[in-house]
Amino acid sequence: MMASFEVYYTDGARSDLLRLYDFLLERAQTVEDFDAAQLAIDAIKIEIESHLSRSPFIFRKAGKSPFLRELIIPFRSSGYVALYEIEDNETINVLAVRHQLEDDYH
């Protein structure tokens, strides 16, 4: 039987999602661009919740701790990266989300 994890977003991760959404909206010039902004945020959340709730240990480590990891989220020609921590055998905390072209987490 596969374990099931609850996925939670820290305040920082929620702020990151809003920051990314605002960034996309600021650059939107067409209705399609506005729709794409919402699609990007929805895709990030779907990828995070579907993958991390089932198998959080398979993604790359993000430091010395085996419990701190990163999920790469492809989206169109680029993508995003979610930093998360496996708290225990039931809980995943998403700590930060960034665009993969950003230097580091905010």
Protein backbone atom coordinates (compact mmCIF):
# COMPACT_ATOMS: atom_id res chain seq x y z
CA MET A 1 0.00 0.00 0.00
CA MET A 2 1.33 3.44 -0.95
CA ALA A 3 1.62 6.05 1.79
CA SER A 4 -0.44 9.18 1.52
CA PHE A 5 0.95 12.51 2.68
CA GLU A 6 -0.91 15.72 3.50
CA VAL A 7 0.60 18.67 1.65
CA TYR A 8 0.65 22.07 3.35
CA TYR A 9 1.90 25.43 2.10
CA THR A 10 3.84 27.70 4.44
CA ASP A 11 3.08 31.41 4.42
CA GLY A 12 6.27 31.90 2.42
CA ALA A 13 5.18 29.42 -0.25
CA ARG A 14 1.75 31.05 -0.52
CA SER A 15 3.46 34.44 -0.88
CA ASP A 16 5.67 32.99 -3.61
CA LEU A 17 2.63 31.78 -5.56
CA LEU A 18 1.05 35.23 -5.32
CA ARG A 19 4.34 36.87 -6.37
CA LEU A 20 4.63 34.57 -9.39
CA TYR A 21 0.99 35.20 -10.34
CA ASP A 22 1.44 38.98 -10.03
CA PHE A 23 4.58 38.78 -12.16
CA LEU A 24 2.68 37.00 -14.92
CA LEU A 25 -0.27 39.40 -14.71
CA GLU A 26 2.01 42.46 -14.93
CA ARG A 27 3.35 41.19 -18.24
CA ALA A 28 0.01 40.06 -19.65
CA GLN A 29 -1.02 41.84 -22.83
CA THR A 30 -3.85 39.65 -24.11
CA VAL A 31 -6.72 37.67 -22.66
CA GLU A 32 -4.72 34.54 -23.42
CA ASP A 33 -1.84 35.88 -21.30
CA PHE A 34 -4.21 36.41 -18.37
CA ASP A 35 -5.53 32.87 -18.81
CA ALA A 36 -1.98 31.53 -19.00
CA ALA A 37 -1.14 33.18 -15.67
CA GLN A 38 -3.95 31.28 -13.98
CA LEU A 39 -3.01 28.08 -15.81
CA ALA A 40 0.58 28.38 -14.56
CA ILE A 41 -0.47 28.72 -10.92
CA ASP A 42 -3.00 25.89 -11.27
CA ALA A 43 -0.34 23.65 -12.87
CA ILE A 44 2.10 24.36 -10.04
CA LYS A 45 -0.45 23.45 -7.38
CA ILE A 46 -1.62 20.32 -9.20
CA GLU A 47 1.94 19.07 -9.69
CA ILE A 48 2.91 19.79 -6.09
CA GLU A 49 -0.15 18.19 -4.55
CA SER A 50 -0.35 15.15 -6.81
CA HIS A 51 3.35 14.22 -6.69
CA LEU A 52 4.17 15.09 -3.11
CA SER A 53 1.09 13.46 -1.63
CA ARG A 54 2.18 10.12 -3.12
CA SER A 55 5.95 9.94 -3.39
CA PRO A 56 7.91 12.85 -1.89
CA PHE A 57 11.15 10.89 -1.41
CA ILE A 58 11.83 10.36 -5.13
CA PHE A 59 12.69 13.98 -5.92
CA ARG A 60 16.13 15.56 -5.65
CA LYS A 61 17.68 16.50 -2.34
CA ALA A 62 18.18 20.20 -1.67
CA GLY A 63 20.89 20.12 0.93
CA LYS A 64 22.38 17.77 3.46
CA SER A 65 19.08 16.72 5.01
CA PRO A 66 17.34 13.83 3.25
CA PHE A 67 14.05 15.49 4.18
CA LEU A 68 14.64 18.77 2.34
CA ARG A 69 13.94 18.33 -1.39
CA GLU A 70 12.99 20.04 -4.63
CA LEU A 71 10.29 19.25 -7.14
CA ILE A 72 10.85 20.45 -10.72
CA ILE A 73 7.57 21.53 -12.32
CA PRO A 74 7.73 21.83 -16.12
CA PHE A 75 5.43 24.44 -17.66
CA ARG A 76 5.47 25.33 -21.34
CA SER A 77 9.00 26.27 -22.39
CA SER A 78 10.23 26.80 -18.83
CA GLY A 79 9.09 25.75 -15.39
CA TYR A 80 9.12 26.17 -11.64
CA VAL A 81 10.84 24.65 -8.63
CA ALA A 82 9.17 23.89 -5.29
CA LEU A 83 11.28 23.52 -2.16
CA TYR A 84 9.64 21.24 0.39
CA GLU A 85 10.34 19.42 3.61
CA ILE A 86 9.13 15.99 4.64
CA GLU A 87 8.09 16.66 8.22
CA ASP A 88 7.02 13.15 9.18
CA ASN A 89 5.38 10.06 7.69
CA GLU A 90 2.17 12.00 7.02
CA THR A 91 3.14 15.63 6.40
CA ILE A 92 4.83 17.60 3.61
CA ASN A 93 5.46 21.33 3.99
CA VAL A 94 6.01 23.33 0.82
CA LEU A 95 8.48 26.01 1.90
CA ALA A 96 9.01 28.05 -1.28
CA VAL A 97 8.23 28.18 -4.98
CA ARG A 98 10.26 29.95 -7.64
CA HIS A 99 10.56 30.20 -11.38
CA GLN A 100 13.45 28.03 -12.52
CA LEU A 101 15.23 31.06 -14.03
CA GLU A 102 15.27 32.89 -10.68
CA ASP A 103 18.56 32.76 -8.82
CA ASP A 104 17.24 31.29 -5.59
CA TYR A 105 14.27 31.09 -3.32
CA HIS A 106 12.94 34.34 -1.82
